[in-house]
Protein backbone atom coordinates (compact mmCIF):
# COMPACT_ATOMS: atom_id res chain seq x y z
CA MET A 1 -57.13 -40.85 17.19
CA LYS A 2 -54.19 -40.19 14.93
CA ILE A 3 -54.42 -39.60 11.19
CA LEU A 4 -51.63 -40.21 8.72
CA VAL A 5 -49.41 -37.20 8.67
CA LEU A 6 -50.19 -34.37 6.33
CA PRO A 7 -47.14 -34.52 4.01
CA LEU A 8 -48.27 -37.94 2.78
CA LEU A 9 -51.80 -36.73 2.22
CA LEU A 10 -50.54 -33.72 0.34
CA LEU A 11 -48.70 -36.03 -2.03
CA THR A 12 -51.76 -38.10 -2.82
CA ALA A 13 -53.97 -35.05 -3.14
CA THR A 14 -51.62 -33.28 -5.52
CA ALA A 15 -51.47 -36.33 -7.76
CA ALA A 16 -55.14 -37.19 -7.89
CA PHE A 17 -57.55 -34.43 -6.93
CA ALA A 18 -57.34 -31.50 -9.32
CA GLU A 19 -60.88 -30.41 -8.41
CA ASP A 20 -60.07 -30.24 -4.71
CA ILE A 21 -58.25 -27.29 -3.14
CA GLY A 22 -56.67 -26.79 0.28
CA LEU A 23 -56.15 -23.62 2.30
CA ARG A 24 -54.44 -22.78 5.55
CA LEU A 25 -55.94 -20.01 7.67
CA ARG A 26 -53.71 -18.46 10.34
CA PHE A 27 -55.25 -16.04 12.80
CA GLY A 28 -54.23 -13.91 15.75
CA LEU A 29 -51.17 -12.40 14.07
CA THR A 30 -51.83 -8.98 15.64
CA ASP A 31 -53.31 -10.14 18.96
CA LYS A 32 -52.04 -8.37 22.07
CA GLU A 33 -53.65 -10.84 24.43
CA ALA A 34 -55.14 -14.32 24.28
CA THR A 35 -58.17 -14.07 22.01
CA ALA A 36 -60.99 -16.34 20.85
CA TRP A 37 -61.16 -16.87 17.08
CA ASP A 38 -64.18 -19.16 16.84
CA GLY A 39 -65.53 -19.23 13.31
CA THR A 40 -67.39 -20.86 10.43
CA VAL A 41 -66.63 -21.39 6.73
CA THR A 42 -68.74 -21.87 3.60
CA VAL A 43 -67.86 -22.20 -0.09
CA ALA A 44 -69.99 -21.90 -3.25
CA PRO A 45 -69.98 -23.59 -5.64
CA GLY A 46 -68.50 -26.63 -3.91
CA ARG A 47 -68.43 -27.96 -0.39
CA VAL A 48 -66.22 -28.02 2.68
CA ALA A 49 -64.86 -31.57 2.81
CA LEU A 50 -62.52 -31.31 5.79
CA ILE A 51 -61.51 -28.90 8.56
CA GLY A 52 -58.42 -29.65 10.62
CA GLY A 53 -56.60 -27.85 13.39
CA TRP A 54 -53.23 -26.19 12.87
CA ARG A 55 -51.39 -25.68 16.18
CA PHE A 56 -54.53 -26.65 18.08
CA ALA A 57 -54.09 -27.14 21.83
CA GLN A 58 -56.07 -27.34 25.05
CA ASP A 59 -59.78 -26.81 24.28
CA ASP A 60 -59.42 -25.98 20.57
CA LYS A 61 -61.69 -28.20 18.47
CA VAL A 62 -63.33 -28.60 15.06
CA ASP A 63 -67.10 -28.66 14.58
CA GLY A 64 -67.53 -31.13 11.71
CA VAL A 65 -67.21 -29.35 8.35
CA THR A 66 -68.90 -26.12 9.41
CA GLY A 67 -66.57 -24.40 11.83
CA TRP A 68 -64.18 -24.45 14.77
CA LYS A 69 -63.52 -23.13 18.26
CA ALA A 70 -59.97 -21.98 18.86
CA ARG A 71 -57.99 -19.18 20.44
CA THR A 72 -54.52 -17.70 20.56
CA ARG A 73 -52.51 -18.07 23.76
CA PRO A 74 -49.20 -16.97 25.26
CA ALA A 75 -46.21 -18.82 23.83
CA VAL A 76 -42.58 -19.11 24.77
CA LEU A 77 -40.53 -18.15 21.73
CA GLY A 78 -36.81 -18.65 21.36
CA LYS A 79 -34.57 -16.67 19.06
CA ARG A 80 -35.12 -17.59 15.43
CA SER A 81 -33.33 -16.56 12.31
CA ASN A 82 -36.47 -16.70 10.16
CA ASN A 83 -37.16 -13.51 8.26
CA PRO A 84 -39.63 -11.53 10.47
CA ASN A 85 -41.03 -9.77 7.40
CA LYS A 86 -42.56 -12.97 6.05
CA GLY A 87 -45.67 -14.93 6.97
CA GLY A 88 -47.11 -12.42 9.43
CA LYS A 89 -44.00 -12.46 11.66
CA ARG A 90 -43.64 -8.68 11.57
CA ALA A 91 -47.16 -8.10 12.88
CA GLN A 92 -46.77 -10.83 15.48
CA ALA A 93 -43.48 -9.40 16.73
CA ALA A 94 -44.97 -5.91 16.95
CA ALA A 95 -47.91 -7.19 18.99
CA ALA A 96 -45.60 -9.06 21.34
CA ASN A 97 -43.43 -5.97 21.85
CA ALA A 98 -46.46 -3.80 22.58
CA SER A 99 -47.95 -6.14 25.18
CA GLY A 100 -44.76 -7.55 26.64
CA VAL A 101 -46.17 -11.07 26.16
CA ALA A 102 -45.33 -13.25 23.17
CA LEU A 103 -48.46 -14.82 21.67
CA GLY A 104 -48.59 -17.92 19.55
CA ASP A 105 -50.82 -17.72 16.48
CA ASN A 106 -53.29 -20.51 15.72
CA GLY A 107 -55.11 -21.71 12.64
CA VAL A 108 -57.18 -24.18 10.69
CA LEU A 109 -56.70 -26.22 7.51
CA PHE A 110 -59.47 -26.59 4.92
CA THR A 111 -60.08 -29.03 2.11
CA PHE A 112 -62.68 -27.76 -0.40
CA ALA A 113 -64.17 -30.33 -2.78
CA GLU A 114 -65.87 -29.89 -6.16
CA VAL A 115 -64.74 -26.28 -6.41
CA THR A 116 -63.34 -24.03 -9.13
CA GLU A 117 -60.96 -21.11 -8.96
CA ASP A 118 -64.04 -18.86 -9.06
CA SER A 119 -65.62 -20.50 -6.02
CA GLN A 120 -66.28 -17.96 -3.28
CA VAL A 121 -65.26 -18.66 0.30
CA THR A 122 -66.86 -16.87 3.25
CA ILE A 123 -65.19 -17.02 6.64
CA LYS A 124 -66.95 -15.60 9.68
CA THR A 125 -65.12 -15.30 13.02
CA VAL A 126 -65.92 -13.53 16.27
CA MET A 127 -63.19 -11.03 15.34
CA GLY A 128 -64.61 -10.24 11.88
CA GLU A 129 -65.59 -11.79 8.58
CA PHE A 130 -64.35 -11.70 5.00
CA THR A 131 -65.02 -13.22 1.57
CA PHE A 132 -62.66 -14.09 -1.27
CA LYS A 133 -62.34 -16.22 -4.39
CA LEU A 134 -60.00 -19.19 -4.39
CA ALA A 135 -58.24 -17.62 -7.36
CA ASP A 136 -57.23 -14.76 -5.03
CA VAL A 137 -54.98 -17.16 -3.09
CA PRO A 138 -52.64 -18.84 -5.60
CA PHE A 139 -49.82 -21.16 -4.63
CA GLY A 140 -46.78 -19.35 -3.25
CA LYS A 141 -48.62 -16.22 -2.17
CA SER A 142 -49.75 -15.22 1.34
CA VAL A 143 -52.90 -13.09 1.47
CA ASP A 144 -53.71 -10.92 4.51
CA GLN A 145 -57.21 -10.26 5.80
CA LEU A 146 -58.65 -8.21 8.68
CA ALA A 147 -55.82 -5.67 8.61
CA GLY A 148 -53.11 -8.32 8.91
CA ALA A 149 -54.69 -10.28 11.76
CA VAL A 150 -55.39 -13.19 9.40
CA GLU A 151 -53.24 -14.85 6.73
CA LEU A 152 -54.38 -17.22 3.95
CA GLN A 153 -52.16 -19.66 2.07
CA ARG A 154 -52.96 -22.22 -0.64
CA THR A 155 -52.08 -25.83 0.21
CA ALA A 156 -52.68 -29.15 -1.48
CA ALA A 157 -56.02 -30.75 -0.63
CA ALA A 158 -55.77 -33.38 2.10
CA PHE A 159 -58.09 -36.08 3.36
CA PRO A 160 -57.91 -38.66 6.17
CA LEU A 161 -56.90 -42.15 5.12
CA THR A 162 -57.15 -43.90 8.51
CA SER A 163 -59.26 -43.37 11.60
CA GLU A 164 -58.51 -46.35 13.84
CA ARG A 165 -57.67 -46.10 17.53
CA SER A 166 -54.15 -47.32 16.79
CA ASP A 167 -51.35 -44.90 15.91
CA GLU A 168 -50.59 -44.75 12.17
CA ASP A 169 -47.13 -43.34 11.53
CA TYR A 170 -44.06 -43.22 9.26
CA PRO A 171 -45.94 -43.14 5.92
CA SER A 172 -44.33 -43.38 2.50
CA ALA A 173 -45.88 -43.34 -0.96
CA ALA A 174 -45.28 -44.16 -4.62
CA ILE A 175 -47.38 -43.75 -7.76
CA GLY A 176 -47.80 -46.58 -10.28
CA ALA A 177 -48.03 -46.25 -14.06
CA ASP A 178 -51.85 -46.37 -13.92
CA GLY A 179 -52.00 -43.44 -11.48
CA THR A 180 -52.64 -45.53 -8.37
CA THR A 181 -50.96 -44.13 -5.27
CA TRP A 182 -49.57 -46.83 -2.97
CA ILE A 183 -49.04 -45.93 0.67
CA THR A 184 -47.34 -47.80 3.49
CA ALA A 185 -47.58 -46.90 7.17
CA THR A 186 -46.91 -48.56 10.49
CA SER A 187 -49.84 -49.10 12.84
CA TYR A 188 -48.93 -49.20 16.54
CA THR A 189 -51.32 -50.57 19.17
CA PRO A 190 -50.46 -49.35 22.68
CA GLY A 191 -50.96 -51.49 25.74
CA LEU A 192 -53.00 -48.99 27.71
CA ASP A 193 -55.69 -47.14 25.78
CA ARG A 194 -54.86 -43.46 25.34
CA ASP A 195 -58.03 -42.35 27.14
CA GLU A 196 -57.02 -44.47 30.11
CA ARG A 197 -53.52 -43.01 30.02
CA ALA A 198 -54.78 -39.43 29.85
CA LYS A 199 -57.52 -39.54 32.46
CA SER A 200 -57.19 -37.60 35.72
CA LEU A 201 -57.15 -39.51 38.99
CA ASP A 202 -59.67 -38.50 41.62
CA LYS A 203 -58.15 -40.79 44.24
CA GLU A 204 -54.92 -42.63 44.87
CA PRO A 205 -54.89 -45.97 43.01
CA ALA A 206 -54.33 -49.16 44.98
CA ASP A 207 -51.31 -49.86 42.76
CA LEU A 208 -49.87 -48.94 39.38
CA LYS A 209 -49.84 -52.38 37.81
CA TYR A 210 -52.42 -51.30 35.24
CA LEU A 211 -49.77 -49.03 33.68
CA ALA A 212 -47.59 -52.04 32.85
CA LYS A 213 -49.95 -53.57 30.30
CA ALA A 214 -47.80 -54.81 27.42
CA PRO A 215 -48.21 -52.95 24.09
CA GLY A 216 -49.78 -54.63 21.10
CA GLY A 217 -46.78 -53.74 18.96
CA ASP A 218 -46.50 -52.70 15.30
CA GLN A 219 -48.08 -53.91 12.08
CA LEU A 220 -47.19 -52.72 8.58
CA TRP A 221 -50.01 -51.98 6.11
CA LEU A 222 -50.21 -51.21 2.40
CA ARG A 223 -53.05 -49.06 1.06
CA SER A 224 -53.98 -47.82 -2.42
CA VAL A 225 -55.80 -44.73 -3.64
CA LEU A 226 -57.03 -44.25 -7.22
CA GLY A 227 -59.03 -41.12 -7.95
CA VAL A 228 -61.16 -40.62 -4.85
CA GLU A 229 -61.43 -44.33 -4.04
CA ALA A 230 -59.28 -45.95 -1.36
CA GLY A 231 -58.66 -49.65 -1.74
CA LYS A 232 -58.78 -52.31 0.94
CA ALA A 233 -55.77 -52.24 3.28
CA VAL A 234 -53.32 -55.13 2.88
CA ALA A 235 -51.39 -56.42 5.91
CA ILE A 236 -47.70 -56.70 4.98
CA THR A 237 -46.74 -58.13 8.37
CA GLU A 238 -48.53 -59.82 11.23
CA PRO A 239 -49.41 -57.69 14.27
CA GLY A 240 -47.20 -57.54 17.36
CA ARG A 241 -44.01 -56.70 15.47
CA ASP A 242 -41.26 -54.11 16.08
CA ILE A 243 -40.92 -52.01 12.90
CA TYR A 244 -38.95 -48.83 12.22
CA LYS A 245 -39.85 -47.03 8.99
CA SER A 246 -40.88 -48.39 5.61
CA ALA A 247 -40.73 -47.49 1.92
CA VAL A 248 -42.67 -48.40 -1.21
CA ALA A 249 -41.95 -48.45 -4.97
CA VAL A 250 -43.57 -49.96 -8.07
CA ASP A 251 -41.41 -51.88 -10.53
CA GLY A 252 -41.71 -52.00 -14.31
CA THR A 253 -44.02 -55.03 -14.24
CA GLY A 254 -46.48 -53.35 -11.88
CA ARG A 255 -45.40 -55.20 -8.75
CA VAL A 256 -45.61 -53.04 -5.65
CA TRP A 257 -42.55 -53.53 -3.45
CA VAL A 258 -42.65 -52.68 0.24
CA ALA A 259 -39.39 -52.41 2.21
CA TRP A 260 -39.22 -52.13 5.98
CA ALA A 261 -36.88 -52.48 8.96
CA GLU A 262 -37.92 -55.06 11.55
CA ASN A 263 -36.53 -56.42 14.79
CA GLN A 264 -37.76 -60.00 14.59
CA ALA A 265 -36.45 -60.86 18.06
CA TYR A 266 -38.97 -58.47 19.63
CA GLN A 267 -40.87 -59.62 22.70
CA PRO A 268 -43.34 -57.49 24.69
CA PHE A 269 -41.91 -55.56 27.63
CA PRO A 270 -40.26 -56.52 29.95
CA ASN A 271 -38.95 -59.57 28.05
CA ASN A 272 -37.57 -57.76 25.02
CA PRO A 273 -33.93 -58.65 24.25
CA ALA A 274 -31.42 -56.26 22.72
CA PRO A 275 -32.83 -55.31 19.30
CA SER A 276 -31.32 -56.17 15.95
CA PHE A 277 -33.18 -54.74 12.94
CA ASP A 278 -32.94 -56.04 9.37
CA ILE A 279 -34.24 -54.77 6.03
CA TRP A 280 -37.02 -56.84 4.47
CA VAL A 281 -38.93 -56.56 1.18
CA ARG A 282 -42.17 -58.07 -0.06
CA SER A 283 -44.11 -57.55 -3.28
CA PHE A 284 -47.83 -57.30 -4.01
CA LYS A 285 -49.60 -57.77 -7.35
CA ASP A 286 -53.04 -58.94 -8.48
CA GLY A 287 -54.17 -59.30 -4.88
CA LYS A 288 -51.32 -61.64 -3.90
CA LEU A 289 -48.34 -61.13 -1.61
CA SER A 290 -44.95 -62.71 -2.24
CA GLU A 291 -42.80 -64.24 0.46
CA SER A 292 -40.67 -61.81 2.45
CA VAL A 293 -37.00 -61.47 1.47
CA LYS A 294 -34.26 -60.20 3.79
CA LEU A 295 -31.97 -57.72 2.04
CA SER A 296 -29.52 -56.97 4.86
CA ASP A 297 -27.12 -59.50 6.37
CA SER A 298 -25.51 -58.25 9.55
CA LYS A 299 -25.60 -58.96 13.28
CA GLU A 300 -25.90 -55.20 13.78
CA SER A 301 -29.02 -53.19 13.02
CA ASP A 302 -30.15 -52.02 9.57
CA VAL A 303 -32.90 -49.37 9.51
CA TRP A 304 -34.46 -46.44 7.63
CA PRO A 305 -35.19 -47.91 4.16
CA ALA A 306 -35.83 -45.67 1.15
CA ALA A 307 -36.95 -46.89 -2.28
CA ALA A 308 -37.22 -45.70 -5.88
CA THR A 309 -37.69 -47.17 -9.37
CA ASP A 310 -35.12 -46.51 -12.08
CA SER A 311 -35.78 -45.93 -15.79
CA LYS A 312 -35.43 -49.67 -16.49
CA GLY A 313 -38.22 -50.45 -14.03
CA ARG A 314 -35.89 -51.83 -11.34
CA VAL A 315 -36.63 -51.05 -7.71
CA TRP A 316 -33.71 -49.78 -5.63
CA VAL A 317 -33.64 -49.89 -1.83
CA ALA A 318 -31.18 -47.84 0.22
CA TRP A 319 -30.84 -47.99 3.98
CA GLN A 320 -28.77 -47.10 7.02
CA GLY A 321 -26.84 -50.00 8.50
CA ALA A 322 -24.42 -50.40 11.41
CA ARG A 323 -21.12 -52.08 10.65
CA ASP A 324 -18.40 -52.23 13.31
CA LYS A 325 -20.56 -49.90 15.43
CA VAL A 326 -20.65 -47.19 12.76
CA PHE A 327 -23.73 -46.37 10.68
CA ARG A 328 -23.15 -46.45 6.94
CA ILE A 329 -25.44 -46.24 3.88
CA PHE A 330 -26.06 -49.33 1.74
CA ALA A 331 -28.13 -50.19 -1.34
CA ARG A 332 -29.39 -53.11 -3.42
CA HIS A 333 -31.54 -53.18 -6.56
CA GLN A 334 -33.59 -55.72 -8.48
CA ASP A 335 -31.52 -58.00 -10.68
CA GLY A 336 -33.74 -60.26 -12.74
CA GLU A 337 -35.93 -62.16 -10.29
CA GLY A 338 -33.46 -61.54 -7.48
CA TRP A 339 -31.49 -58.69 -5.98
CA SER A 340 -27.99 -57.35 -6.54
CA LYS A 341 -25.28 -57.73 -3.93
CA GLU A 342 -25.22 -55.31 -1.02
CA GLU A 343 -23.17 -52.24 -1.91
CA GLN A 344 -21.83 -49.61 0.47
CA VAL A 345 -22.80 -46.16 -0.79
CA SER A 346 -21.37 -43.81 1.84
CA THR A 347 -17.62 -43.27 2.08
CA GLN A 348 -17.24 -41.64 5.50
CA THR A 349 -15.64 -43.22 8.57
CA ARG A 350 -18.10 -41.73 11.07
CA ASN A 351 -21.87 -42.16 11.35
CA CYS A 352 -24.10 -41.64 8.31
CA TRP A 353 -27.87 -41.28 8.61
CA ALA A 354 -31.22 -40.72 6.93
CA PRO A 355 -30.82 -41.99 3.33
CA ALA A 356 -32.95 -40.56 0.52
CA ILE A 357 -33.20 -41.92 -3.02
CA THR A 358 -34.57 -40.78 -6.38
CA ALA A 359 -34.29 -41.78 -10.04
CA ALA A 360 -34.08 -39.84 -13.32
CA LYS A 361 -35.58 -40.81 -16.67
CA ASP A 362 -32.07 -40.97 -18.23
CA GLY A 363 -31.04 -43.92 -16.05
CA ARG A 364 -29.39 -42.13 -13.15
CA VAL A 365 -30.16 -42.99 -9.53
CA ALA A 366 -29.11 -40.67 -6.71
CA ILE A 367 -28.74 -41.61 -3.04
CA ALA A 368 -28.19 -38.91 -0.42
CA TRP A 369 -27.51 -39.04 3.31
CA ASP A 370 -26.21 -36.92 6.15
CA THR A 371 -22.93 -37.57 7.96
CA TYR A 372 -21.15 -36.50 11.14
CA GLU A 373 -17.75 -37.00 9.54
CA LYS A 374 -16.23 -33.64 10.56
CA GLY A 375 -18.07 -33.06 13.82
CA ASP A 376 -21.20 -31.45 12.39
CA TYR A 377 -23.94 -32.84 10.16
CA ASP A 378 -23.49 -32.43 6.40
CA VAL A 379 -25.38 -33.71 3.35
CA TRP A 380 -23.63 -35.88 0.75
CA LEU A 381 -24.83 -37.81 -2.28
CA ARG A 382 -23.73 -40.34 -4.85
CA GLU A 383 -25.15 -40.89 -8.33
CA PHE A 384 -25.30 -44.23 -10.14
CA THR A 385 -25.40 -44.43 -13.94
CA ASP A 386 -26.54 -47.74 -15.41
CA GLY A 387 -25.87 -49.26 -11.99
CA GLN A 388 -22.28 -47.96 -11.77
CA ALA A 389 -21.45 -45.72 -8.81
CA GLY A 390 -19.95 -42.29 -9.34
CA ASP A 391 -17.91 -40.42 -6.73
CA ALA A 392 -19.51 -39.41 -3.45
CA ARG A 393 -19.71 -35.62 -3.16
CA PRO A 394 -20.94 -33.02 -0.70
CA VAL A 395 -24.14 -31.07 -1.28
CA ALA A 396 -24.16 -29.04 1.94
CA ASN A 397 -20.83 -29.14 3.75
CA SER A 398 -20.62 -26.03 5.92
CA ALA A 399 -20.18 -25.71 9.69
CA THR A 400 -23.96 -25.44 10.17
CA TYR A 401 -26.34 -28.32 10.89
CA GLU A 402 -27.38 -29.85 7.53
CA ALA A 403 -29.28 -33.13 7.70
CA ARG A 404 -32.25 -35.32 6.67
CA PRO A 405 -32.13 -34.77 2.88
CA ALA A 406 -35.02 -35.17 0.46
CA MET A 407 -34.62 -34.94 -3.31
CA THR A 408 -36.00 -35.46 -6.79
CA TYR A 409 -34.94 -35.07 -10.43
CA ASP A 410 -36.96 -32.64 -12.54
CA HIS A 411 -38.01 -33.25 -16.17
CA ASP A 412 -34.80 -31.65 -17.44
CA GLY A 413 -32.59 -33.92 -15.35
CA ALA A 414 -31.59 -31.36 -12.73
CA LEU A 415 -31.35 -32.81 -9.22
CA TRP A 416 -33.15 -30.84 -6.50
CA VAL A 417 -31.93 -31.56 -2.98
CA SER A 418 -33.45 -30.11 0.19
CA TRP A 419 -32.43 -30.61 3.81
CA GLU A 420 -33.02 -29.38 7.34
CA ASN A 421 -30.69 -26.53 8.24
CA GLY A 422 -29.75 -25.22 11.68
CA GLY A 423 -27.03 -23.12 13.25
CA PRO A 424 -23.41 -24.28 13.66
CA THR A 425 -24.00 -25.54 17.23
CA TRP A 426 -27.56 -26.85 16.80
CA GLY A 427 -28.44 -29.61 19.25
CA LYS A 428 -25.14 -29.43 21.10
CA ASP A 429 -24.48 -28.62 24.77
CA PHE A 430 -27.13 -26.02 25.56
CA GLY A 431 -28.73 -25.15 28.89
CA ALA A 432 -28.26 -23.24 32.11
CA TYR A 433 -24.45 -23.43 31.97
CA ALA A 434 -23.87 -23.63 28.22
CA LYS A 435 -25.25 -20.50 26.59
CA GLN A 436 -23.60 -20.72 23.17
CA GLY A 437 -25.43 -23.74 21.82
CA ILE A 438 -28.74 -23.82 19.94
CA GLY A 439 -31.63 -25.73 21.50
CA LEU A 440 -33.37 -28.53 19.64
CA TYR A 441 -36.48 -26.50 18.80
CA ARG A 442 -34.77 -23.33 17.67
CA GLN A 443 -33.36 -21.95 14.44
CA ARG A 444 -34.50 -24.43 11.82
CA GLN A 445 -34.87 -23.68 8.12
CA ILE A 446 -34.96 -25.60 4.84
CA GLY A 447 -31.85 -25.63 2.66
CA LEU A 448 -32.09 -26.18 -1.11
CA ALA A 449 -29.58 -26.94 -3.86
CA ILE A 450 -30.21 -27.53 -7.57
CA LEU A 451 -27.50 -29.61 -9.29
CA LYS A 452 -27.32 -29.36 -13.09
CA ASN A 453 -24.93 -31.04 -15.51
CA GLY A 454 -23.08 -32.81 -12.72
């Protein structure tokens, strides 16, 4: 069973559940060998609403809302540039040096409901127990327990939104004027049930035809959350589709607009032709869905939609589209009851990827993307004022890997842009014969820029 990913849930929790609090508990930071950290948790006043695993593997498991069974285990660690003095890294490195074996820490995530800052949390593990007030763990501060073997961090409160056997993925969210959070996510139904796929064979099968069962495909859903109440899910598409990412925004009239990329020529394997994705939008209001409208118009694929609402209440949709075998960034926005003409946002001649979009209260709209223009990934953006495009400009343009931007305007109009950052050869030729590159799972940080007054 797969639950909607945590970043989405953090967004909804931060917006709506002031009386709920989340914590992350990391343990095993000073372990010298694989160690059991089974434990229980209680809180008073209040209750434990959810326990989830963080880096759980193998036989690690949660026991309802009372406790967990988990352990640390040896881990293969590559070189990282993260500061070893932060987040328990110093203690973990010291333990690894002493034992000669690198150990991976483990942890659990808590959601506490109906609590106050004075609520007292008691955690009992087989390696020791401790008690603290929630006020002792404010946002932005890491608190050590058990002589540095345990670390506590405040998080937003999270809760599961789906629990079906299908795979729910690629969520996006927007908040309406009445405080309702609208969430889209793609639901994928595999052909062979995951339990069937994962089971061990005790004898040689007569054949492997059962593995070729065609998948059920994708279906796009819209869900709402207001306060602690989740609304009935609304099917944006029929099942059996081929969908890649979606976005949602609420316009000035209260219509909820869902944008998504879909390959409408999809057929179940092995009859699937070469894909061609297009960008589609559809609105929802007062329990009714509009007809779907195609925003892109190209024989090549258009994918990765992002959406935002400007200060005039118009929804903007940006996306990544292939033209002449090169990915570029495009955008359209509401224009009366229709949509503006397609406009190319990016200016580079080589591939551009991963658009992000945000709007300011003064009328500006910013669209960011990453580009491979000079042989490494860099982050660029372009601002629109009253619908008119300004110049494209770099945000992160060094020789390092800078990609997948996210951004927002603050209340003072400053534009905050973050991105994934890696070394100058991240993801390039790396292996037994190429020692100078940086592997895909190594050396990743978050870059941040704050742009004020242009």
